[in-house]
N, C-alpha and C. Protein backbone atom coordinates (compact mmCIF):
# COMPACT_ATOMS: atom_id res chain seq x y z
N MET A 1 60.82 77.71 156.45
CA MET A 1 61.91 77.03 155.92
C MET A 1 62.25 75.80 156.75
N VAL A 2 62.14 75.94 158.04
CA VAL A 2 62.41 74.77 158.98
C VAL A 2 61.33 73.68 158.75
N VAL A 3 60.08 74.16 158.55
CA VAL A 3 59.02 73.23 158.37
C VAL A 3 59.24 72.37 157.16
N LYS A 4 59.57 73.08 156.03
CA LYS A 4 59.88 72.34 154.85
C LYS A 4 60.97 71.35 155.05
N THR A 5 62.03 71.71 155.66
CA THR A 5 63.19 70.83 155.95
C THR A 5 62.73 69.61 156.71
N LEU A 6 62.00 69.94 157.77
CA LEU A 6 61.43 68.79 158.57
C LEU A 6 60.51 67.89 157.81
N LEU A 7 59.64 68.43 157.05
CA LEU A 7 58.77 67.55 156.22
C LEU A 7 59.54 66.82 155.15
N ILE A 8 60.58 67.36 154.58
CA ILE A 8 61.40 66.59 153.61
C ILE A 8 62.13 65.49 154.36
N GLY A 9 62.69 65.77 155.46
CA GLY A 9 63.43 64.71 156.24
C GLY A 9 62.49 63.58 156.65
N ILE A 10 61.27 63.92 157.15
CA ILE A 10 60.39 62.94 157.52
C ILE A 10 59.91 62.00 156.28
N SER A 11 59.75 62.74 155.06
CA SER A 11 59.33 62.05 153.94
C SER A 11 60.43 61.03 153.39
N ILE A 12 61.66 61.49 153.52
CA ILE A 12 62.81 60.69 153.16
C ILE A 12 62.91 59.47 154.06
N TYR A 13 62.71 59.62 155.34
CA TYR A 13 62.73 58.59 156.32
C TYR A 13 61.59 57.58 155.92
N GLU A 14 60.46 58.10 155.73
CA GLU A 14 59.21 57.33 155.40
C GLU A 14 59.49 56.46 154.10
N ILE A 15 59.94 57.06 153.07
CA ILE A 15 60.14 56.27 151.80
C ILE A 15 61.38 55.29 152.08
N GLY A 16 62.39 55.67 152.84
CA GLY A 16 63.44 54.67 153.19
C GLY A 16 62.95 53.56 153.90
N LEU A 17 62.04 53.66 154.81
CA LEU A 17 61.42 52.52 155.53
C LEU A 17 60.66 51.67 154.53
N LEU A 18 60.00 52.28 153.64
CA LEU A 18 59.25 51.43 152.63
C LEU A 18 60.11 50.69 151.74
N TYR A 19 61.22 51.28 151.28
CA TYR A 19 62.18 50.57 150.48
C TYR A 19 62.93 49.47 151.25
N TRP A 20 63.23 49.73 152.63
CA TRP A 20 63.71 48.75 153.46
C TRP A 20 62.86 47.48 153.50
N LEU A 21 61.52 47.67 153.66
CA LEU A 21 60.63 46.62 153.74
C LEU A 21 60.53 45.95 152.34
N LEU A 22 60.66 46.63 151.27
CA LEU A 22 60.55 46.06 150.00
C LEU A 22 61.91 45.16 149.85
N CYS A 23 63.00 45.79 150.19
CA CYS A 23 64.33 44.98 150.03
C CYS A 23 64.23 43.80 150.90
N GLY A 24 63.64 43.86 152.09
CA GLY A 24 63.63 42.70 153.01
C GLY A 24 62.74 41.57 152.58
N THR A 25 61.69 41.90 151.72
CA THR A 25 60.74 40.88 151.43
C THR A 25 60.77 40.37 150.10
N VAL A 26 61.10 41.33 149.13
CA VAL A 26 60.99 40.90 147.72
C VAL A 26 62.30 40.75 146.96
N LEU A 27 63.15 41.83 147.28
CA LEU A 27 64.48 41.87 146.44
C LEU A 27 65.47 40.97 147.00
N GLU A 28 66.31 40.27 146.08
CA GLU A 28 67.41 39.47 146.51
C GLU A 28 68.64 40.49 146.63
N LYS A 29 69.14 40.54 147.81
CA LYS A 29 70.33 41.47 148.01
C LYS A 29 71.57 41.04 147.35
N ILE A 30 71.62 39.75 147.06
CA ILE A 30 73.01 39.26 146.41
C ILE A 30 72.98 39.72 144.99
N PHE A 31 71.86 40.11 144.30
CA PHE A 31 71.89 40.48 143.01
C PHE A 31 71.95 41.94 142.79
N LEU A 32 71.99 42.73 143.90
CA LEU A 32 72.08 44.13 143.80
C LEU A 32 73.57 44.61 143.92
N GLY A 33 73.94 45.29 142.89
CA GLY A 33 75.33 45.83 142.85
C GLY A 33 75.36 47.25 143.32
N LYS A 34 76.52 47.93 143.18
CA LYS A 34 76.63 49.30 143.57
C LYS A 34 75.76 50.23 142.74
N LYS A 35 75.63 49.87 141.55
CA LYS A 35 74.82 50.72 140.60
C LYS A 35 73.34 50.68 141.03
N GLU A 36 72.81 49.47 141.35
CA GLU A 36 71.48 49.40 141.74
C GLU A 36 71.24 50.02 143.13
N TRP A 37 72.20 49.93 143.94
CA TRP A 37 72.05 50.60 145.34
C TRP A 37 71.98 52.12 145.19
N GLY A 38 72.82 52.64 144.28
CA GLY A 38 72.86 54.04 143.97
C GLY A 38 71.64 54.52 143.36
N VAL A 39 70.89 53.71 142.56
CA VAL A 39 69.64 54.08 142.01
C VAL A 39 68.55 54.04 143.06
N ILE A 40 68.62 53.09 143.94
CA ILE A 40 67.67 53.03 144.98
C ILE A 40 67.81 54.18 145.93
N VAL A 41 68.99 54.51 146.27
CA VAL A 41 69.18 55.74 147.20
C VAL A 41 68.77 56.99 146.56
N ALA A 42 69.10 57.11 145.28
CA ALA A 42 68.66 58.45 144.52
C ALA A 42 67.22 58.43 144.36
N ASN A 43 66.58 57.28 144.27
CA ASN A 43 65.05 57.24 144.20
C ASN A 43 64.48 57.53 145.45
N ILE A 44 65.03 57.12 146.62
CA ILE A 44 64.49 57.40 147.91
C ILE A 44 64.57 59.01 148.18
N VAL A 45 65.83 59.66 147.80
CA VAL A 45 65.97 60.93 148.18
C VAL A 45 65.05 61.82 147.19
N SER A 46 64.94 61.49 145.96
CA SER A 46 64.16 62.28 145.02
C SER A 46 62.63 62.12 145.45
N GLU A 47 62.18 60.97 145.67
CA GLU A 47 60.73 60.84 146.15
C GLU A 47 60.50 61.43 147.41
N GLY A 48 61.43 61.42 148.32
CA GLY A 48 61.32 62.07 149.59
C GLY A 48 61.13 63.60 149.53
N VAL A 49 62.06 64.22 148.71
CA VAL A 49 61.99 65.57 148.38
C VAL A 49 60.65 66.03 147.73
N ILE A 50 60.26 65.35 146.72
CA ILE A 50 58.98 65.67 146.03
C ILE A 50 57.77 65.49 147.02
N LEU A 51 57.79 64.45 147.76
CA LEU A 51 56.69 64.26 148.73
C LEU A 51 56.68 65.27 149.88
N GLY A 52 57.91 65.63 150.33
CA GLY A 52 57.95 66.63 151.34
C GLY A 52 57.50 68.10 150.90
N LEU A 53 57.91 68.36 149.70
CA LEU A 53 57.52 69.67 149.00
C LEU A 53 55.96 69.65 148.80
N ASN A 54 55.41 68.47 148.38
CA ASN A 54 53.96 68.34 148.19
C ASN A 54 53.24 68.54 149.44
N ARG A 55 53.74 68.02 150.57
CA ARG A 55 53.03 68.10 151.87
C ARG A 55 53.21 69.51 152.44
N SER A 56 54.19 70.30 151.98
CA SER A 56 54.35 71.63 152.44
C SER A 56 53.47 72.68 151.80
N LEU A 57 52.79 72.30 150.63
CA LEU A 57 51.95 73.12 149.97
C LEU A 57 50.71 73.51 150.75
N SER A 58 50.19 74.57 150.61
CA SER A 58 49.10 75.04 151.36
C SER A 58 47.80 74.46 150.74
N PHE A 59 47.53 73.26 150.78
CA PHE A 59 46.46 72.67 150.10
C PHE A 59 45.11 73.18 150.57
N PHE A 60 44.87 73.23 151.87
CA PHE A 60 43.58 73.72 152.40
C PHE A 60 43.35 75.15 152.06
N HIS A 61 44.37 75.81 152.13
CA HIS A 61 44.20 77.36 151.76
C HIS A 61 43.74 77.60 150.43
N ASN A 62 44.27 76.76 149.45
CA ASN A 62 43.93 76.77 148.02
C ASN A 62 42.45 76.30 147.82
N ILE A 63 42.01 75.32 148.58
CA ILE A 63 40.62 74.86 148.47
C ILE A 63 39.71 75.94 149.05
N PHE A 64 40.00 76.58 150.03
CA PHE A 64 39.11 77.64 150.56
C PHE A 64 38.92 78.83 149.63
N LEU A 65 39.98 79.05 148.83
CA LEU A 65 39.90 80.17 147.82
C LEU A 65 38.85 79.80 146.77
N LEU A 66 38.76 78.53 146.35
CA LEU A 66 37.78 78.14 145.35
C LEU A 66 36.40 78.22 145.83
């Protein structure tokens, strides 16, 4: 349980850094309203949770079973 939480937290941080880089280089911040920032934050959290759960799967264990 602790490992999954840690992996989800790291994944959210990683996706957040990527969006920060994207917002700093490509997106114009003056055109982003509260709705757009809400969508960005929801996207960061949802992608982070999905990526964290994906990383927590026992990929190598399933490969060895095949």
